[in-house]
Protein backbone atom coordinates (compact mmCIF):
# COMPACT_ATOMS: atom_id res chain seq x y z
CA MET A 1 0.61 -6.62 -26.04
CA THR A 2 0.82 -8.17 -29.47
CA GLY A 3 0.86 -11.76 -28.27
CA ILE A 4 3.95 -12.40 -30.38
CA ILE A 5 6.60 -14.46 -28.64
CA LEU A 6 10.16 -15.21 -29.69
CA LYS A 7 12.10 -18.42 -29.18
CA LEU A 8 15.67 -17.35 -28.41
CA PHE A 9 18.88 -18.80 -27.07
CA ALA A 10 21.08 -17.37 -24.32
CA THR A 11 24.39 -18.22 -22.69
CA TRP A 12 24.80 -19.25 -19.07
CA THR A 13 26.69 -16.02 -18.38
CA GLU A 14 23.78 -13.90 -19.61
CA LEU A 15 21.27 -15.88 -17.56
CA GLN A 16 23.40 -15.58 -14.41
CA ALA A 17 23.83 -11.82 -14.84
CA VAL A 18 20.06 -11.36 -14.98
CA LYS A 19 19.42 -13.77 -12.13
CA ASP A 20 21.86 -12.15 -9.72
CA GLY A 21 20.73 -8.62 -10.66
CA THR A 22 24.01 -7.58 -12.30
CA SER A 23 22.17 -6.79 -15.54
CA THR A 24 18.66 -5.86 -16.62
CA MET A 25 19.39 -6.48 -20.30
CA MET A 26 20.14 -9.94 -21.62
CA ILE A 27 21.65 -10.70 -25.00
CA ALA A 28 19.93 -13.60 -26.75
CA TYR A 29 20.13 -15.03 -30.24
CA THR A 30 17.86 -16.54 -32.85
CA ALA A 31 18.55 -20.17 -33.77
CA ASP A 32 20.36 -19.25 -36.98
CA LYS A 33 22.65 -16.65 -35.35
CA LYS A 34 23.44 -18.26 -32.00
CA PRO A 35 27.01 -19.03 -30.96
CA LYS A 36 27.69 -22.61 -29.80
CA GLU A 37 27.66 -21.62 -26.09
CA ALA A 38 24.15 -20.15 -26.34
CA PHE A 39 22.14 -23.33 -25.90
CA TYR A 40 19.69 -22.25 -23.16
CA GLU A 41 16.30 -21.81 -24.80
CA ILE A 42 14.13 -18.91 -23.62
CA ILE A 43 10.71 -17.68 -24.72
CA VAL A 44 10.04 -13.93 -24.45
CA ALA A 45 7.37 -11.48 -25.57
CA LEU A 46 8.27 -9.27 -28.51
CA GLU A 47 7.51 -6.13 -26.46
CA GLY A 48 10.42 -6.85 -24.13
CA CYS A 49 12.97 -7.07 -26.94
CA GLU A 50 15.15 -4.86 -29.09
CA VAL A 51 16.03 -6.74 -32.26
CA THR A 52 19.33 -6.04 -34.03
CA ASP A 53 20.99 -7.72 -36.98
CA LYS A 54 22.80 -10.45 -35.03
CA GLU A 55 21.22 -10.49 -31.58
CA VAL A 56 18.14 -9.71 -29.54
CA ARG A 57 18.41 -7.60 -26.42
CA VAL A 58 15.87 -8.72 -23.83
CA ASN A 59 14.84 -5.95 -21.42
CA VAL A 60 14.21 -7.99 -18.28
CA SER A 61 13.13 -5.01 -16.17
CA MET A 62 10.40 -4.18 -18.72
CA ILE A 63 9.18 -7.78 -18.69
CA LYS A 64 9.10 -7.80 -14.88
CA ARG A 65 7.19 -4.51 -14.83
CA ASP A 66 4.65 -5.76 -17.36
CA ALA A 67 4.21 -9.02 -15.42
CA ASN A 68 3.60 -7.07 -12.21
CA GLU A 69 1.03 -4.85 -13.93
CA LEU A 70 -0.72 -7.88 -15.39
CA GLY A 71 -0.74 -9.58 -11.98
CA GLU A 72 -2.30 -6.50 -10.41
CA MET A 73 -5.03 -6.35 -13.08
CA VAL A 74 -5.82 -10.06 -12.69
CA GLY A 75 -5.90 -9.71 -8.91
CA LYS A 76 -8.37 -6.82 -9.11
CA ALA A 77 -10.59 -8.70 -11.55
CA ILE A 78 -10.62 -11.83 -9.39
CA GLY A 79 -11.28 -9.73 -6.30
CA ALA A 80 -14.25 -8.04 -7.97
CA GLU A 81 -15.72 -11.40 -8.99
CA LEU A 82 -15.25 -12.82 -5.49
CA GLU A 83 -16.98 -9.75 -4.06
CA LYS A 84 -19.99 -10.45 -6.30
CA VAL A 85 -20.13 -14.08 -5.19
CA PHE A 86 -19.90 -13.18 -1.50
CA LYS A 87 -22.71 -10.63 -1.85
CA GLN A 88 -24.91 -13.29 -3.43
CA LEU A 89 -24.23 -15.65 -0.54
CA GLU A 90 -25.40 -13.14 2.08
């Protein structure tokens, strides 16, 4: 991951479609291109986005997948460290 994050704005309709599972892509806008109804601020990683001239398409399924992979890696790392500590306590 690049570590680059984008501050975008989305409409209530887009947020609801992602929340209820109707859509895995969300249309969001930069501050200078947003329509008046897009006032919900979201922060997303660059890797989960496709940037076009007027909008940003946020691939929610990619972000969820990456978050799950990261969670798995962190869980394994914490588990390995706990294993070391428990062995020292024996």
